[in-house]
Every structure is written in C-alpha cells, then in structure tokens.
Amino acid sequence: MCSTGSFAKTCADLISQENIRYRTSNNAQEEPVVTSYRDLLKQREELEAQIEALRQGEMEAALEQVRKIIADFELTPGQVFPPQKRTRARTTEAKPSTAKVS
C-alpha cells in the first residue's frame, strides 16, 4: 500500500513530466522546455484560429459541391430537406386535482 508521502511524490513526478516537453535542437541534444498554462492557452488560441480558417475553406468547397449536385439533379428544397414529422408538444401545466379538500 502507498503511503501519503510516496503518493505525493508520484503525483509531483507526474505533474512535472506533463509540464516538461522535450524538443530536439539543431545539434540533436534534448533540452527541457517548460510549458506554462499561459503558453498552452496561447497555443490553443492559435490552433482555434487555424481550425476556423480551415473550416471556412472546407465549408466553401462543400457548399460549392452541394450546389452543383442540386443543380445537376434539379433537386427541390423539399427533396433535400423533407418535412419532419410533427409531434404534439407536451403541456407542462398541472392538471387540476380531483381530490376533495376538507
């Protein structure tokens, strides 16, 4: 069974391993690079910007392809987006009680 001290040391070791990344420099030596919370947030912002830019480009290409297919087959909006079955909305009002109040 682990003692509290060894558990804390294991956790500290795992945290330090997660926060240190290794990169290979031009002379092929590894040097530790500490990644901070702020660095990761900045990386996330940069990735989100890249994702959005790619998404926009791919979305435009997809829309162009969809429009071409619709024109080629002379599809109507009803064929592309068939009406959905309507379900009755449930009422959230409480039904009046039939119990007698004394």
PDB file of N, CA and C in Angstrom:
ATOM      1  N   MET A   1       0.850  -1.174   0.000  1.00  0.00           N
ATOM      2  CA  MET A   1       0.000   0.000   0.000  1.00  0.00           C
ATOM      3  C   MET A   1       0.894   1.235   0.000  1.00  0.00           C
ATOM      4  N   CYS A   2       0.508   2.284  -0.717  1.00  0.00           N
ATOM      5  CA  CYS A   2       1.296   3.509  -0.801  1.00  0.00           C
ATOM      6  C   CYS A   2       1.062   4.372   0.420  1.00  0.00           C
ATOM      7  N   SER A   3       2.131   4.969   0.871  1.00  0.00           N
ATOM      8  CA  SER A   3       1.978   5.926   1.958  1.00  0.00           C
ATOM      9  C   SER A   3       1.652   7.280   1.357  1.00  0.00           C
ATOM     10  N   THR A   4       1.187   8.184   2.196  1.00  0.00           N
ATOM     11  CA  THR A   4       0.811   9.504   1.715  1.00  0.00           C
ATOM     12  C   THR A   4       2.004  10.216   1.094  1.00  0.00           C
ATOM     13  N   GLY A   5       3.194  10.066   1.669  1.00  0.00           N
ATOM     14  CA  GLY A   5       4.391  10.714   1.147  1.00  0.00           C
ATOM     15  C   GLY A   5       4.751  10.216  -0.236  1.00  0.00           C
ATOM     16  N   SER A   6       4.686   8.904  -0.453  1.00  0.00           N
ATOM     17  CA  SER A   6       5.042   8.369  -1.765  1.00  0.00           C
ATOM     18  C   SER A   6       3.996   8.732  -2.811  1.00  0.00           C
ATOM     19  N   PHE A   7       2.741   8.819  -2.396  1.00  0.00           N
ATOM     20  CA  PHE A   7       1.685   9.244  -3.316  1.00  0.00           C
ATOM     21  C   PHE A   7       1.917  10.683  -3.768  1.00  0.00           C
ATOM     22  N   ALA A   8       2.257  11.563  -2.848  1.00  0.00           N
ATOM     23  CA  ALA A   8       2.523  12.962  -3.180  1.00  0.00           C
ATOM     24  C   ALA A   8       3.715  13.072  -4.121  1.00  0.00           C
ATOM     25  N   LYS A   9       4.763  12.265  -3.881  1.00  0.00           N
ATOM     26  CA  LYS A   9       5.937  12.303  -4.742  1.00  0.00           C
ATOM     27  C   LYS A   9       5.577  11.809  -6.143  1.00  0.00           C
ATOM     28  N   THR A  10       4.774  10.751  -6.224  1.00  0.00           N
ATOM     29  CA  THR A  10       4.350  10.229  -7.520  1.00  0.00           C
ATOM     30  C   THR A  10       3.544  11.278  -8.276  1.00  0.00           C
ATOM     31  N   CYS A  11       2.635  11.950  -7.577  1.00  0.00           N
ATOM     32  CA  CYS A  11       1.832  12.998  -8.216  1.00  0.00           C
ATOM     33  C   CYS A  11       2.723  14.136  -8.693  1.00  0.00           C
ATOM     34  N   ALA A  12       3.669  14.541  -7.871  1.00  0.00           N
ATOM     35  CA  ALA A  12       4.579  15.625  -8.250  1.00  0.00           C
ATOM     36  C   ALA A  12       5.406  15.217  -9.474  1.00  0.00           C
ATOM     37  N   ASP A  13       5.855  13.963  -9.504  1.00  0.00           N
ATOM     38  CA  ASP A  13       6.619  13.479 -10.657  1.00  0.00           C
ATOM     39  C   ASP A  13       5.772  13.512 -11.929  1.00  0.00           C
ATOM     40  N   LEU A  14       4.520  13.064 -11.834  1.00  0.00           N
ATOM     41  CA  LEU A  14       3.637  13.062 -13.000  1.00  0.00           C
ATOM     42  C   LEU A  14       3.369  14.477 -13.496  1.00  0.00           C
ATOM     43  N   ILE A  15       3.154  15.392 -12.571  1.00  0.00           N
ATOM     44  CA  ILE A  15       2.889  16.775 -12.953  1.00  0.00           C
ATOM     45  C   ILE A  15       4.104  17.364 -13.651  1.00  0.00           C
ATOM     46  N   SER A  16       5.291  17.137 -13.117  1.00  0.00           N
ATOM     47  CA  SER A  16       6.478  17.708 -13.750  1.00  0.00           C
ATOM     48  C   SER A  16       6.713  17.075 -15.120  1.00  0.00           C
ATOM     49  N   GLN A  17       6.402  15.789 -15.277  1.00  0.00           N
ATOM     50  CA  GLN A  17       6.556  15.145 -16.579  1.00  0.00           C
ATOM     51  C   GLN A  17       5.581  15.728 -17.592  1.00  0.00           C
ATOM     52  N   GLU A  18       4.368  16.064 -17.141  1.00  0.00           N
ATOM     53  CA  GLU A  18       3.377  16.641 -18.038  1.00  0.00           C
ATOM     54  C   GLU A  18       3.750  18.060 -18.434  1.00  0.00           C
ATOM     55  N   ASN A  19       4.421  18.789 -17.574  1.00  0.00           N
ATOM     56  CA  ASN A  19       4.741  20.188 -17.849  1.00  0.00           C
ATOM     57  C   ASN A  19       6.047  20.372 -18.602  1.00  0.00           C
ATOM     58  N   ILE A  20       6.846  19.335 -18.753  1.00  0.00           N
ATOM     59  CA  ILE A  20       8.113  19.446 -19.458  1.00  0.00           C
ATOM     60  C   ILE A  20       8.021  18.657 -20.745  1.00  0.00           C
ATOM     61  N   ARG A  21       8.292  19.327 -21.831  1.00  0.00           N
ATOM     62  CA  ARG A  21       8.334  18.659 -23.127  1.00  0.00           C
ATOM     63  C   ARG A  21       9.765  18.742 -23.621  1.00  0.00           C
ATOM     64  N   TYR A  22      10.132  17.799 -24.423  1.00  0.00           N
ATOM     65  CA  TYR A  22      11.480  17.780 -24.960  1.00  0.00           C
ATOM     66  C   TYR A  22      11.440  18.088 -26.438  1.00  0.00           C
ATOM     67  N   ARG A  23      12.372  18.911 -26.877  1.00  0.00           N
ATOM     68  CA  ARG A  23      12.465  19.184 -28.304  1.00  0.00           C
ATOM     69  C   ARG A  23      13.898  18.922 -28.736  1.00  0.00           C
ATOM     70  N   THR A  24      14.064  18.585 -29.959  1.00  0.00           N
ATOM     71  CA  THR A  24      15.391  18.310 -30.490  1.00  0.00           C
ATOM     72  C   THR A  24      15.901  19.569 -31.169  1.00  0.00           C
ATOM     73  N   SER A  25      17.036  20.043 -30.723  1.00  0.00           N
ATOM     74  CA  SER A  25      17.621  21.236 -31.333  1.00  0.00           C
ATOM     75  C   SER A  25      18.448  20.816 -32.540  1.00  0.00           C
ATOM     76  N   ASN A  26      19.059  21.795 -33.204  1.00  0.00           N
ATOM     77  CA  ASN A  26      19.829  21.503 -34.409  1.00  0.00           C
ATOM     78  C   ASN A  26      21.005  20.577 -34.142  1.00  0.00           C
ATOM     79  N   ASN A  27      21.576  20.614 -32.940  1.00  0.00           N
ATOM     80  CA  ASN A  27      22.718  19.751 -32.648  1.00  0.00           C
ATOM     81  C   ASN A  27      22.279  18.415 -32.049  1.00  0.00           C
ATOM     82  N   ALA A  28      20.998  18.091 -32.153  1.00  0.00           N
ATOM     83  CA  ALA A  28      20.423  16.805 -31.740  1.00  0.00           C
ATOM     84  C   ALA A  28      20.529  16.541 -30.247  1.00  0.00           C
ATOM     85  N   GLN A  29      20.705  17.585 -29.450  1.00  0.00           N
ATOM     86  CA  GLN A  29      20.673  17.412 -27.992  1.00  0.00           C
ATOM     87  C   GLN A  29      19.281  17.778 -27.521  1.00  0.00           C
ATOM     88  N   GLU A  30      18.803  17.054 -26.504  1.00  0.00           N
ATOM     89  CA  GLU A  30      17.483  17.347 -25.978  1.00  0.00           C
ATOM     90  C   GLU A  30      17.603  18.327 -24.827  1.00  0.00           C
ATOM     91  N   GLU A  31      16.739  19.341 -24.843  1.00  0.00           N
ATOM     92  CA  GLU A  31      16.703  20.278 -23.739  1.00  0.00           C
ATOM     93  C   GLU A  31      15.256  20.405 -23.279  1.00  0.00           C
ATOM     94  N   PRO A  32      15.040  20.468 -21.973  1.00  0.00           N
ATOM     95  CA  PRO A  32      13.660  20.549 -21.484  1.00  0.00           C
ATOM     96  C   PRO A  32      13.060  21.924 -21.782  1.00  0.00           C
ATOM     97  N   VAL A  33      11.787  21.914 -22.155  1.00  0.00           N
ATOM     98  CA  VAL A  33      11.062  23.153 -22.379  1.00  0.00           C
ATOM     99  C   VAL A  33       9.860  23.122 -21.455  1.00  0.00           C
ATOM    100  N   VAL A  34       9.778  24.078 -20.557  1.00  0.00           N
ATOM    101  CA  VAL A  34       8.671  24.120 -19.613  1.00  0.00           C
ATOM    102  C   VAL A  34       7.504  24.820 -20.295  1.00  0.00           C
ATOM    103  N   THR A  35       6.366  24.157 -20.325  1.00  0.00           N
ATOM    104  CA  THR A  35       5.168  24.707 -20.918  1.00  0.00           C
ATOM    105  C   THR A  35       4.282  25.196 -19.798  1.00  0.00           C
ATOM    106  N   SER A  36       4.001  26.482 -19.792  1.00  0.00           N
ATOM    107  CA  SER A  36       3.157  27.041 -18.739  1.00  0.00           C
ATOM    108  C   SER A  36       1.696  27.035 -19.185  1.00  0.00           C
ATOM    109  N   TYR A  37       0.845  27.302 -18.248  1.00  0.00           N
ATOM    110  CA  TYR A  37      -0.588  27.389 -18.513  1.00  0.00           C
ATOM    111  C   TYR A  37      -0.864  28.462 -19.557  1.00  0.00           C
ATOM    112  N   ARG A  38      -0.226  29.608 -19.421  1.00  0.00           N
ATOM    113  CA  ARG A  38      -0.433  30.703 -20.376  1.00  0.00           C
ATOM    114  C   ARG A  38       0.067  30.318 -21.768  1.00  0.00           C
ATOM    115  N   ASP A  39       1.187  29.591 -21.826  1.00  0.00           N
ATOM    116  CA  ASP A  39       1.696  29.130 -23.121  1.00  0.00           C
ATOM    117  C   ASP A  39       0.679  28.217 -23.802  1.00  0.00           C
ATOM    118  N   LEU A  40       0.098  27.323 -23.017  1.00  0.00           N
ATOM    119  CA  LEU A  40      -0.895  26.400 -23.581  1.00  0.00           C
ATOM    120  C   LEU A  40      -2.139  27.142 -24.045  1.00  0.00           C
ATOM    121  N   LEU A  41      -2.567  28.152 -23.293  1.00  0.00           N
ATOM    122  CA  LEU A  41      -3.720  28.946 -23.714  1.00  0.00           C
ATOM    123  C   LEU A  41      -3.428  29.659 -25.032  1.00  0.00           C
ATOM    124  N   LYS A  42      -2.217  30.185 -25.175  1.00  0.00           N
ATOM    125  CA  LYS A  42      -1.825  30.851 -26.412  1.00  0.00           C
ATOM    126  C   LYS A  42      -1.814  29.860 -27.573  1.00  0.00           C
ATOM    127  N   GLN A  43      -1.290  28.651 -27.317  1.00  0.00           N
ATOM    128  CA  GLN A  43      -1.277  27.613 -28.346  1.00  0.00           C
ATOM    129  C   GLN A  43      -2.708  27.256 -28.760  1.00  0.00           C
ATOM    130  N   ARG A  44      -3.607  27.180 -27.761  1.00  0.00           N
ATOM    131  CA  ARG A  44      -4.993  26.855 -28.058  1.00  0.00           C
ATOM    132  C   ARG A  44      -5.619  27.936 -28.935  1.00  0.00           C
ATOM    133  N   GLU A  45      -5.353  29.212 -28.615  1.00  0.00           N
ATOM    134  CA  GLU A  45      -5.879  30.301 -29.442  1.00  0.00           C
ATOM    135  C   GLU A  45      -5.393  30.182 -30.880  1.00  0.00           C
ATOM    136  N   GLU A  46      -4.095  29.899 -31.036  1.00  0.00           N
ATOM    137  CA  GLU A  46      -3.524  29.766 -32.374  1.00  0.00           C
ATOM    138  C   GLU A  46      -4.148  28.587 -33.120  1.00  0.00           C
ATOM    139  N   LEU A  47      -4.332  27.472 -32.415  1.00  0.00           N
ATOM    140  CA  LEU A  47      -4.955  26.299 -33.048  1.00  0.00           C
ATOM    141  C   LEU A  47      -6.405  26.581 -33.431  1.00  0.00           C
ATOM    142  N   GLU A  48      -7.138  27.252 -32.550  1.00  0.00           N
ATOM    143  CA  GLU A  48      -8.531  27.568 -32.850  1.00  0.00           C
ATOM    144  C   GLU A  48      -8.629  28.470 -34.074  1.00  0.00           C
ATOM    145  N   ALA A  49      -7.692  29.403 -34.228  1.00  0.00           N
ATOM    146  CA  ALA A  49      -7.684  30.276 -35.403  1.00  0.00           C
ATOM    147  C   ALA A  49      -7.403  29.453 -36.664  1.00  0.00           C
ATOM    148  N   GLN A  50      -6.463  28.526 -36.580  1.00  0.00           N
ATOM    149  CA  GLN A  50      -6.150  27.665 -37.721  1.00  0.00           C
ATOM    150  C   GLN A  50      -7.347  26.781 -38.074  1.00  0.00           C
ATOM    151  N   ILE A  51      -7.975  26.240 -37.053  1.00  0.00           N
ATOM    152  CA  ILE A  51      -9.142  25.375 -37.264  1.00  0.00           C
ATOM    153  C   ILE A  51     -10.249  26.157 -37.961  1.00  0.00           C
ATOM    154  N   GLU A  52     -10.523  27.363 -37.497  1.00  0.00           N
ATOM    155  CA  GLU A  52     -11.593  28.161 -38.085  1.00  0.00           C
ATOM    156  C   GLU A  52     -11.281  28.515 -39.537  1.00  0.00           C
ATOM    157  N   ALA A  53     -10.031  28.857 -39.824  1.00  0.00           N
ATOM    158  CA  ALA A  53      -9.649  29.192 -41.199  1.00  0.00           C
ATOM    159  C   ALA A  53      -9.833  27.982 -42.112  1.00  0.00           C
ATOM    160  N   LEU A  54      -9.393  26.814 -41.683  1.00  0.00           N
ATOM    161  CA  LEU A  54      -9.561  25.600 -42.482  1.00  0.00           C
ATOM    162  C   LEU A  54     -11.033  25.235 -42.627  1.00  0.00           C
ATOM    163  N   ARG A  55     -11.787  25.395 -41.552  1.00  0.00           N
ATOM    164  CA  ARG A  55     -13.215  25.087 -41.577  1.00  0.00           C
ATOM    165  C   ARG A  55     -13.917  25.938 -42.630  1.00  0.00           C
ATOM    166  N   GLN A  56     -13.614  27.229 -42.651  1.00  0.00           N
ATOM    167  CA  GLN A  56     -14.246  28.123 -43.615  1.00  0.00           C
ATOM    168  C   GLN A  56     -13.926  27.696 -45.049  1.00  0.00           C
ATOM    169  N   GLY A  57     -12.666  27.375 -45.297  1.00  0.00           N
ATOM    170  CA  GLY A  57     -12.268  26.947 -46.636  1.00  0.00           C
ATOM    171  C   GLY A  57     -12.942  25.657 -47.055  1.00  0.00           C
ATOM    172  N   GLU A  58     -12.975  24.689 -46.163  1.00  0.00           N
ATOM    173  CA  GLU A  58     -13.600  23.403 -46.480  1.00  0.00           C
ATOM    174  C   GLU A  58     -15.111  23.540 -46.606  1.00  0.00           C
ATOM    175  N   MET A  59     -15.696  24.439 -45.805  1.00  0.00           N
ATOM    176  CA  MET A  59     -17.135  24.645 -45.880  1.00  0.00           C
ATOM    177  C   MET A  59     -17.510  25.251 -47.228  1.00  0.00           C
ATOM    178  N   GLU A  60     -16.726  26.199 -47.698  1.00  0.00           N
ATOM    179  CA  GLU A  60     -16.993  26.792 -49.010  1.00  0.00           C
ATOM    180  C   GLU A  60     -16.922  25.734 -50.109  1.00  0.00           C
ATOM    181  N   ALA A  61     -15.923  24.864 -50.044  1.00  0.00           N
ATOM    182  CA  ALA A  61     -15.787  23.799 -51.040  1.00  0.00           C
ATOM    183  C   ALA A  61     -16.975  22.838 -50.964  1.00  0.00           C
ATOM    184  N   ALA A  62     -17.417  22.515 -49.762  1.00  0.00           N
ATOM    185  CA  ALA A  62     -18.552  21.607 -49.584  1.00  0.00           C
ATOM    186  C   ALA A  62     -19.829  22.234 -50.131  1.00  0.00           C
ATOM    187  N   LEU A  63     -20.040  23.518 -49.840  1.00  0.00           N
ATOM    188  CA  LEU A  63     -21.238  24.195 -50.342  1.00  0.00           C
ATOM    189  C   LEU A  63     -21.242  24.255 -51.869  1.00  0.00           C
ATOM    190  N   GLU A  64     -20.099  24.488 -52.449  1.00  0.00           N
ATOM    191  CA  GLU A  64     -19.995  24.513 -53.916  1.00  0.00           C
ATOM    192  C   GLU A  64     -20.380  23.155 -54.497  1.00  0.00           C
ATOM    193  N   GLN A  65     -19.908  22.082 -53.853  1.00  0.00           N
ATOM    194  CA  GLN A  65     -20.221  20.728 -54.314  1.00  0.00           C
ATOM    195  C   GLN A  65     -21.719  20.439 -54.151  1.00  0.00           C
ATOM    196  N   VAL A  66     -22.294  20.837 -53.037  1.00  0.00           N
ATOM    197  CA  VAL A  66     -23.720  20.604 -52.801  1.00  0.00           C
ATOM    198  C   VAL A  66     -24.552  21.362 -53.824  1.00  0.00           C
ATOM    199  N   ARG A  67     -24.195  22.617 -54.069  1.00  0.00           N
ATOM    200  CA  ARG A  67     -24.943  23.413 -55.047  1.00  0.00           C
ATOM    201  C   ARG A  67     -24.876  22.793 -56.438  1.00  0.00           C
ATOM    202  N   LYS A  68     -23.722  22.262 -56.798  1.00  0.00           N
ATOM    203  CA  LYS A  68     -23.557  21.628 -58.117  1.00  0.00           C
ATOM    204  C   LYS A  68     -24.453  20.387 -58.218  1.00  0.00           C
ATOM    205  N   ILE A  69     -24.471  19.579 -57.181  1.00  0.00           N
ATOM    206  CA  ILE A  69     -25.296  18.365 -57.187  1.00  0.00           C
ATOM    207  C   ILE A  69     -26.773  18.731 -57.274  1.00  0.00           C
ATOM    208  N   ILE A  70     -27.190  19.751 -56.504  1.00  0.00           N
ATOM    209  CA  ILE A  70     -28.592  20.181 -56.530  1.00  0.00           C
ATOM    210  C   ILE A  70     -28.971  20.651 -57.928  1.00  0.00           C
ATOM    211  N   ALA A  71     -28.084  21.423 -58.558  1.00  0.00           N
ATOM    212  CA  ALA A  71     -28.363  21.916 -59.916  1.00  0.00           C
ATOM    213  C   ALA A  71     -28.368  20.770 -60.924  1.00  0.00           C
ATOM    214  N   ASP A  72     -27.400  19.866 -60.824  1.00  0.00           N
ATOM    215  CA  ASP A  72     -27.308  18.751 -61.772  1.00  0.00           C
ATOM    216  C   ASP A  72     -28.556  17.870 -61.746  1.00  0.00           C
ATOM    217  N   PHE A  73     -29.094  17.622 -60.564  1.00  0.00           N
ATOM    218  CA  PHE A  73     -30.237  16.729 -60.426  1.00  0.00           C
ATOM    219  C   PHE A  73     -31.560  17.481 -60.318  1.00  0.00           C
ATOM    220  N   GLU A  74     -31.495  18.814 -60.399  1.00  0.00           N
ATOM    221  CA  GLU A  74     -32.685  19.661 -60.312  1.00  0.00           C
ATOM    222  C   GLU A  74     -33.507  19.328 -59.061  1.00  0.00           C
ATOM    223  N   LEU A  75     -32.823  19.230 -57.948  1.00  0.00           N
ATOM    224  CA  LEU A  75     -33.482  18.898 -56.691  1.00  0.00           C
ATOM    225  C   LEU A  75     -34.217  20.114 -56.134  1.00  0.00           C
ATOM    226  N   THR A  76     -35.317  19.843 -55.449  1.00  0.00           N
ATOM    227  CA  THR A  76     -36.097  20.912 -54.820  1.00  0.00           C
ATOM    228  C   THR A  76     -35.746  20.953 -53.333  1.00  0.00           C
ATOM    229  N   PRO A  77     -36.043  22.071 -52.668  1.00  0.00           N
ATOM    230  CA  PRO A  77     -35.797  22.134 -51.224  1.00  0.00           C
ATOM    231  C   PRO A  77     -36.527  21.025 -50.460  1.00  0.00           C
ATOM    232  N   GLY A  78     -37.722  20.679 -50.917  1.00  0.00           N
ATOM    233  CA  GLY A  78     -38.479  19.609 -50.264  1.00  0.00           C
ATOM    234  C   GLY A  78     -37.799  18.254 -50.376  1.00  0.00           C
ATOM    235  N   GLN A  79     -37.077  18.036 -51.482  1.00  0.00           N
ATOM    236  CA  GLN A  79     -36.349  16.779 -51.646  1.00  0.00           C
ATOM    237  C   GLN A  79     -35.077  16.756 -50.799  1.00  0.00           C
ATOM    238  N   VAL A  80     -34.435  17.894 -50.723  1.00  0.00           N
ATOM    239  CA  VAL A  80     -33.194  17.970 -49.951  1.00  0.00           C
ATOM    240  C   VAL A  80     -33.498  17.972 -48.458  1.00  0.00           C
ATOM    241  N   PHE A  81     -34.528  18.718 -48.079  1.00  0.00           N
ATOM    242  CA  PHE A  81     -34.907  18.829 -46.669  1.00  0.00           C
ATOM    243  C   PHE A  81     -36.368  18.435 -46.524  1.00  0.00           C
ATOM    244  N   PRO A  82     -36.646  17.112 -46.484  1.00  0.00           N
ATOM    245  CA  PRO A  82     -38.042  16.680 -46.378  1.00  0.00           C
ATOM    246  C   PRO A  82     -38.663  17.158 -45.065  1.00  0.00           C
ATOM    247  N   PRO A  83     -39.975  17.414 -45.101  1.00  0.00           N
ATOM    248  CA  PRO A  83     -40.633  17.870 -43.872  1.00  0.00           C
ATOM    249  C   PRO A  83     -40.504  16.820 -42.773  1.00  0.00           C
ATOM    250  N   GLN A  84     -40.286  17.311 -41.591  1.00  0.00           N
ATOM    251  CA  GLN A  84     -40.160  16.396 -40.452  1.00  0.00           C
ATOM    252  C   GLN A  84     -41.533  16.137 -39.870  1.00  0.00           C
ATOM    253  N   LYS A  85     -41.681  14.960 -39.292  1.00  0.00           N
ATOM    254  CA  LYS A  85     -42.944  14.626 -38.643  1.00  0.00           C
ATOM    255  C   LYS A  85     -43.139  15.556 -37.457  1.00  0.00           C
ATOM    256  N   ARG A  86     -44.341  16.043 -37.330  1.00  0.00           N
ATOM    257  CA  ARG A  86     -44.646  16.934 -36.218  1.00  0.00           C
ATOM    258  C   ARG A  86     -45.169  16.106 -35.059  1.00  0.00           C
ATOM    259  N   THR A  87     -44.675  16.387 -33.901  1.00  0.00           N
ATOM    260  CA  THR A  87     -45.177  15.724 -32.701  1.00  0.00           C
ATOM    261  C   THR A  87     -45.878  16.767 -31.861  1.00  0.00           C
ATOM    262  N   ARG A  88     -46.885  16.319 -31.154  1.00  0.00           N
ATOM    263  CA  ARG A  88     -47.604  17.252 -30.294  1.00  0.00           C
ATOM    264  C   ARG A  88     -46.718  17.625 -29.123  1.00  0.00           C
ATOM    265  N   ALA A  89     -46.694  18.888 -28.829  1.00  0.00           N
ATOM    266  CA  ALA A  89     -45.913  19.365 -27.691  1.00  0.00           C
ATOM    267  C   ALA A  89     -46.619  18.956 -26.414  1.00  0.00           C
ATOM    268  N   ARG A  90     -45.855  18.531 -25.487  1.00  0.00           N
ATOM    269  CA  ARG A  90     -46.427  18.174 -24.189  1.00  0.00           C
ATOM    270  C   ARG A  90     -46.699  19.440 -23.396  1.00  0.00           C
ATOM    271  N   THR A  91     -47.817  19.424 -22.709  1.00  0.00           N
ATOM    272  CA  THR A  91     -48.125  20.585 -21.877  1.00  0.00           C
ATOM    273  C   THR A  91     -47.452  20.414 -20.538  1.00  0.00           C
ATOM    274  N   THR A  92     -46.978  21.516 -20.017  1.00  0.00           N
ATOM    275  CA  THR A  92     -46.300  21.458 -18.720  1.00  0.00           C
ATOM    276  C   THR A  92     -47.209  21.919 -17.599  1.00  0.00           C
ATOM    277  N   GLU A  93     -48.440  22.278 -17.950  1.00  0.00           N
ATOM    278  CA  GLU A  93     -49.378  22.725 -16.927  1.00  0.00           C
ATOM    279  C   GLU A  93     -49.877  21.524 -16.128  1.00  0.00           C
ATOM    280  N   ALA A  94     -50.017  21.741 -14.834  1.00  0.00           N
ATOM    281  CA  ALA A  94     -50.519  20.681 -13.973  1.00  0.00           C
ATOM    282  C   ALA A  94     -52.016  20.537 -14.159  1.00  0.00           C
ATOM    283  N   LYS A  95     -52.492  19.307 -14.190  1.00  0.00           N
ATOM    284  CA  LYS A  95     -53.912  19.070 -14.311  1.00  0.00           C
ATOM    285  C   LYS A  95     -54.562  19.356 -12.944  1.00  0.00           C
ATOM    286  N   PRO A  96     -55.765  19.900 -12.959  1.00  0.00           N
ATOM    287  CA  PRO A  96     -56.417  20.173 -11.665  1.00  0.00           C
ATOM    288  C   PRO A  96     -56.679  18.869 -10.905  1.00  0.00           C
ATOM    289  N   SER A  97     -56.479  18.948  -9.628  1.00  0.00           N
ATOM    290  CA  SER A  97     -56.670  17.781  -8.795  1.00  0.00           C
ATOM    291  C   SER A  97     -58.150  17.514  -8.595  1.00  0.00           C
ATOM    292  N   THR A  98     -58.529  16.233  -8.566  1.00  0.00           N
ATOM    293  CA  THR A  98     -59.932  15.859  -8.368  1.00  0.00           C
ATOM    294  C   THR A  98     -60.215  15.480  -6.921  1.00  0.00           C
ATOM    295  N   ALA A  99     -59.169  15.563  -6.094  1.00  0.00           N
ATOM    296  CA  ALA A  99     -59.331  15.185  -4.676  1.00  0.00           C
ATOM    297  C   ALA A  99     -60.099  16.296  -3.969  1.00  0.00           C
ATOM    298  N   LYS A 100     -60.938  15.882  -3.022  1.00  0.00           N
ATOM    299  CA  LYS A 100     -61.717  16.845  -2.236  1.00  0.00           C
ATOM    300  C   LYS A 100     -60.847  17.420  -1.128  1.00  0.00           C
ATOM    301  N   VAL A 101     -60.979  18.696  -0.937  1.00  0.00           N
ATOM    302  CA  VAL A 101     -60.241  19.367   0.128  1.00  0.00           C
ATOM    303  C   VAL A 101     -61.213  19.594   1.259  1.00  0.00           C
ATOM    304  N   SER A 102     -60.835  19.179   2.477  1.00  0.00           N
ATOM    305  CA  SER A 102     -61.749  19.340   3.614  1.00  0.00           C
ATOM    306  C   SER A 102     -61.424  20.579   4.392  1.00  0.00           C
TER     307      SER A 102
END
